[in-house]
Amino acid sequence: MYLTSEKKQEIFATYAKDAKNTGSAEGQIALFTFRIKHLTEYCKEHKNDKFTNRALVLLVGKRRKLLDYLKRKDIERYRAIIKALGLRK
């Protein structure tokens, strides 16, 4: 399995305000980004796997919604997570 509980804890400890706050927007965005990167590599190898491709598109949509929420609520937190994850070029 590519995403173990230790890896999740590491992601939340790095990006969320508190390691135990797994519901924070920053932590969720970081977790989605990790999963998106993994699924992107998988989809490059398995081009005909339409179900995984759909799951990837849905996951990108969830991350986009969370980013929009964070942008509305606190622009500084939004800018910090964008910079930390390197989402914009």
N, C-alpha and C. Protein backbone atom coordinates (compact mmCIF):
# COMPACT_ATOMS: atom_id res chain seq x y z
N MET A 1 0.85 -1.18 0.00
CA MET A 1 0.00 0.00 0.00
C MET A 1 0.89 1.24 0.00
N TYR A 2 0.54 2.18 -0.82
CA TYR A 2 1.37 3.37 -0.98
C TYR A 2 1.16 4.39 0.13
N LEU A 3 0.03 4.36 0.79
CA LEU A 3 -0.28 5.36 1.81
C LEU A 3 -0.52 4.67 3.15
N THR A 4 0.52 4.59 3.95
CA THR A 4 0.41 3.95 5.26
C THR A 4 -0.01 4.99 6.29
N SER A 5 -0.38 4.52 7.45
CA SER A 5 -0.79 5.45 8.50
C SER A 5 0.39 6.31 8.96
N GLU A 6 1.60 5.76 8.91
CA GLU A 6 2.77 6.55 9.27
C GLU A 6 2.98 7.70 8.28
N LYS A 7 2.77 7.40 7.00
CA LYS A 7 2.92 8.44 5.98
C LYS A 7 1.87 9.53 6.16
N LYS A 8 0.63 9.13 6.50
CA LYS A 8 -0.43 10.10 6.75
C LYS A 8 -0.06 11.00 7.93
N GLN A 9 0.43 10.40 9.00
CA GLN A 9 0.82 11.17 10.17
C GLN A 9 1.94 12.15 9.84
N GLU A 10 2.87 11.69 8.99
CA GLU A 10 3.97 12.56 8.57
C GLU A 10 3.45 13.75 7.76
N ILE A 11 2.51 13.49 6.86
CA ILE A 11 1.93 14.56 6.04
C ILE A 11 1.22 15.58 6.93
N PHE A 12 0.39 15.09 7.86
CA PHE A 12 -0.34 16.02 8.72
C PHE A 12 0.59 16.76 9.67
N ALA A 13 1.65 16.11 10.13
CA ALA A 13 2.61 16.79 11.01
C ALA A 13 3.35 17.89 10.26
N THR A 14 3.61 17.67 8.97
CA THR A 14 4.35 18.64 8.18
C THR A 14 3.50 19.84 7.77
N TYR A 15 2.30 19.60 7.29
CA TYR A 15 1.51 20.65 6.67
C TYR A 15 0.38 21.21 7.53
N ALA A 16 -0.19 20.41 8.41
CA ALA A 16 -1.30 20.90 9.22
C ALA A 16 -0.76 21.70 10.40
N LYS A 17 -1.61 22.49 11.02
CA LYS A 17 -1.20 23.27 12.18
C LYS A 17 -0.81 22.35 13.33
N ASP A 18 -1.58 21.28 13.50
CA ASP A 18 -1.35 20.32 14.57
C ASP A 18 -1.38 18.93 13.96
N ALA A 19 -0.50 18.04 14.39
CA ALA A 19 -0.42 16.69 13.82
C ALA A 19 -1.70 15.90 14.08
N LYS A 20 -2.40 16.23 15.17
CA LYS A 20 -3.63 15.49 15.50
C LYS A 20 -4.86 16.07 14.82
N ASN A 21 -4.74 17.23 14.23
CA ASN A 21 -5.86 17.87 13.55
C ASN A 21 -5.91 17.39 12.10
N THR A 22 -6.47 16.22 11.89
CA THR A 22 -6.50 15.64 10.55
C THR A 22 -7.57 16.23 9.66
N GLY A 23 -8.40 17.11 10.21
CA GLY A 23 -9.47 17.71 9.42
C GLY A 23 -9.13 19.10 8.91
N SER A 24 -7.94 19.58 9.23
CA SER A 24 -7.58 20.93 8.78
C SER A 24 -7.48 20.97 7.26
N ALA A 25 -7.79 22.12 6.71
CA ALA A 25 -7.78 22.26 5.26
C ALA A 25 -6.39 22.02 4.69
N GLU A 26 -5.36 22.53 5.36
CA GLU A 26 -3.99 22.34 4.86
C GLU A 26 -3.60 20.88 4.84
N GLY A 27 -3.94 20.17 5.90
CA GLY A 27 -3.62 18.74 5.96
C GLY A 27 -4.34 17.94 4.89
N GLN A 28 -5.62 18.26 4.69
CA GLN A 28 -6.39 17.55 3.66
C GLN A 28 -5.85 17.85 2.26
N ILE A 29 -5.49 19.09 2.02
CA ILE A 29 -4.95 19.46 0.70
C ILE A 29 -3.63 18.73 0.46
N ALA A 30 -2.79 18.65 1.48
CA ALA A 30 -1.51 17.95 1.34
C ALA A 30 -1.73 16.47 1.10
N LEU A 31 -2.69 15.88 1.79
CA LEU A 31 -2.99 14.46 1.60
C LEU A 31 -3.53 14.21 0.19
N PHE A 32 -4.44 15.05 -0.26
CA PHE A 32 -4.97 14.92 -1.62
C PHE A 32 -3.86 15.07 -2.65
N THR A 33 -2.94 15.99 -2.42
CA THR A 33 -1.84 16.20 -3.36
C THR A 33 -0.96 14.95 -3.45
N PHE A 34 -0.69 14.33 -2.32
CA PHE A 34 0.10 13.09 -2.31
C PHE A 34 -0.61 12.00 -3.10
N ARG A 35 -1.91 11.87 -2.87
CA ARG A 35 -2.68 10.84 -3.58
C ARG A 35 -2.76 11.16 -5.08
N ILE A 36 -2.91 12.43 -5.43
CA ILE A 36 -2.99 12.83 -6.84
C ILE A 36 -1.69 12.50 -7.56
N LYS A 37 -0.56 12.77 -6.92
CA LYS A 37 0.73 12.45 -7.54
C LYS A 37 0.86 10.96 -7.79
N HIS A 38 0.43 10.16 -6.82
CA HIS A 38 0.52 8.71 -6.97
C HIS A 38 -0.40 8.23 -8.10
N LEU A 39 -1.63 8.71 -8.13
CA LEU A 39 -2.58 8.27 -9.16
C LEU A 39 -2.17 8.76 -10.54
N THR A 40 -1.53 9.91 -10.62
CA THR A 40 -1.06 10.42 -11.91
C THR A 40 -0.03 9.49 -12.51
N GLU A 41 0.91 9.04 -11.69
CA GLU A 41 1.93 8.11 -12.17
C GLU A 41 1.29 6.79 -12.60
N TYR A 42 0.31 6.32 -11.83
CA TYR A 42 -0.37 5.08 -12.16
C TYR A 42 -1.11 5.21 -13.49
N CYS A 43 -1.79 6.33 -13.69
CA CYS A 43 -2.57 6.53 -14.91
C CYS A 43 -1.68 6.67 -16.14
N LYS A 44 -0.45 7.14 -15.96
CA LYS A 44 0.47 7.22 -17.09
C LYS A 44 0.84 5.83 -17.58
N GLU A 45 0.96 4.87 -16.66
CA GLU A 45 1.32 3.51 -17.03
C GLU A 45 0.11 2.73 -17.57
N HIS A 46 -1.05 2.96 -16.97
CA HIS A 46 -2.26 2.21 -17.32
C HIS A 46 -3.27 3.15 -17.96
N LYS A 47 -3.09 3.41 -19.23
CA LYS A 47 -3.90 4.41 -19.92
C LYS A 47 -5.37 4.00 -20.08
N ASN A 48 -5.66 2.72 -20.09
CA ASN A 48 -7.04 2.27 -20.30
C ASN A 48 -7.82 2.08 -19.01
N ASP A 49 -7.24 2.38 -17.88
CA ASP A 49 -7.93 2.25 -16.60
C ASP A 49 -8.79 3.49 -16.37
N LYS A 50 -10.00 3.45 -16.88
CA LYS A 50 -10.89 4.61 -16.83
C LYS A 50 -11.41 4.90 -15.43
N PHE A 51 -11.56 3.87 -14.59
CA PHE A 51 -12.09 4.07 -13.24
C PHE A 51 -11.09 4.85 -12.39
N THR A 52 -9.82 4.52 -12.50
CA THR A 52 -8.80 5.24 -11.75
C THR A 52 -8.67 6.66 -12.27
N ASN A 53 -8.79 6.83 -13.57
CA ASN A 53 -8.73 8.17 -14.15
C ASN A 53 -9.88 9.04 -13.63
N ARG A 54 -11.06 8.45 -13.51
CA ARG A 54 -12.21 9.19 -12.97
C ARG A 54 -11.96 9.54 -11.51
N ALA A 55 -11.42 8.60 -10.75
CA ALA A 55 -11.12 8.86 -9.34
C ALA A 55 -10.11 10.00 -9.21
N LEU A 56 -9.15 10.04 -10.12
CA LEU A 56 -8.16 11.11 -10.12
C LEU A 56 -8.82 12.46 -10.38
N VAL A 57 -9.70 12.52 -11.33
CA VAL A 57 -10.40 13.76 -11.66
C VAL A 57 -11.25 14.23 -10.47
N LEU A 58 -11.93 13.31 -9.81
CA LEU A 58 -12.74 13.66 -8.65
C LEU A 58 -11.87 14.18 -7.50
N LEU A 59 -10.71 13.57 -7.33
CA LEU A 59 -9.79 13.98 -6.27
C LEU A 59 -9.24 15.38 -6.53
N VAL A 60 -8.95 15.67 -7.78
CA VAL A 60 -8.48 17.01 -8.14
C VAL A 60 -9.59 18.03 -7.87
N GLY A 61 -10.83 17.66 -8.13
CA GLY A 61 -11.95 18.55 -7.85
C GLY A 61 -12.12 18.82 -6.36
N LYS A 62 -11.95 17.78 -5.54
CA LYS A 62 -12.03 17.96 -4.09
C LYS A 62 -10.94 18.91 -3.60
N ARG A 63 -9.73 18.71 -4.12
CA ARG A 63 -8.63 19.58 -3.71
C ARG A 63 -8.89 21.02 -4.14
N ARG A 64 -9.43 21.20 -5.34
CA ARG A 64 -9.74 22.53 -5.84
C ARG A 64 -10.76 23.22 -4.95
N LYS A 65 -11.80 22.48 -4.53
CA LYS A 65 -12.82 23.05 -3.65
C LYS A 65 -12.23 23.46 -2.31
N LEU A 66 -11.35 22.63 -1.76
CA LEU A 66 -10.72 22.98 -0.49
C LEU A 66 -9.82 24.20 -0.64
N LEU A 67 -9.10 24.28 -1.76
CA LEU A 67 -8.25 25.44 -2.00
C LEU A 67 -9.09 26.71 -2.15
N ASP A 68 -10.22 26.61 -2.83
CA ASP A 68 -11.12 27.76 -2.97
C ASP A 68 -11.66 28.20 -1.60
N TYR A 69 -12.02 27.22 -0.76
CA TYR A 69 -12.50 27.53 0.58
C TYR A 69 -11.42 28.26 1.38
N LEU A 70 -10.22 27.74 1.32
CA LEU A 70 -9.12 28.34 2.08
C LEU A 70 -8.80 29.74 1.56
N LYS A 71 -8.91 29.93 0.27
CA LYS A 71 -8.66 31.25 -0.32
C LYS A 71 -9.70 32.26 0.16
N ARG A 72 -10.95 31.84 0.27
CA ARG A 72 -12.02 32.72 0.76
C ARG A 72 -11.83 33.05 2.24
N LYS A 73 -11.45 32.07 3.04
CA LYS A 73 -11.39 32.24 4.49
C LYS A 73 -10.12 32.94 4.96
N ASP A 74 -8.96 32.51 4.44
CA ASP A 74 -7.69 33.07 4.92
C ASP A 74 -6.66 33.00 3.79
N ILE A 75 -6.44 34.12 3.14
CA ILE A 75 -5.58 34.17 1.95
C ILE A 75 -4.13 33.84 2.30
N GLU A 76 -3.69 34.17 3.51
CA GLU A 76 -2.30 33.89 3.89
C GLU A 76 -2.06 32.39 4.05
N ARG A 77 -3.01 31.69 4.63
CA ARG A 77 -2.88 30.22 4.74
C ARG A 77 -2.90 29.60 3.36
N TYR A 78 -3.73 30.13 2.47
CA TYR A 78 -3.81 29.64 1.09
C TYR A 78 -2.47 29.80 0.39
N ARG A 79 -1.89 30.98 0.50
CA ARG A 79 -0.60 31.24 -0.14
C ARG A 79 0.49 30.35 0.43
N ALA A 80 0.45 30.12 1.74
CA ALA A 80 1.47 29.29 2.39
C ALA A 80 1.39 27.85 1.91
N ILE A 81 0.19 27.29 1.79
CA ILE A 81 0.07 25.88 1.38
C ILE A 81 0.40 25.72 -0.10
N ILE A 82 0.05 26.71 -0.92
CA ILE A 82 0.40 26.67 -2.34
C ILE A 82 1.92 26.66 -2.50
N LYS A 83 2.59 27.51 -1.72
CA LYS A 83 4.04 27.59 -1.81
C LYS A 83 4.70 26.32 -1.27
N ALA A 84 4.18 25.79 -0.17
CA ALA A 84 4.77 24.60 0.45
C ALA A 84 4.64 23.37 -0.45
N LEU A 85 3.50 23.25 -1.13
CA LEU A 85 3.28 22.09 -1.98
C LEU A 85 3.76 22.29 -3.41
N GLY A 86 4.02 23.54 -3.77
CA GLY A 86 4.47 23.82 -5.12
C GLY A 86 3.40 23.55 -6.17
N LEU A 87 2.19 23.98 -5.89
CA LEU A 87 1.08 23.70 -6.80
C LEU A 87 1.02 24.64 -7.99
N ARG A 88 1.46 25.87 -7.81
CA ARG A 88 1.44 26.83 -8.92
C ARG A 88 2.83 26.94 -9.53
N LYS A 89 2.85 27.26 -10.80
CA LYS A 89 4.15 27.42 -11.46
C LYS A 89 4.48 28.86 -11.68
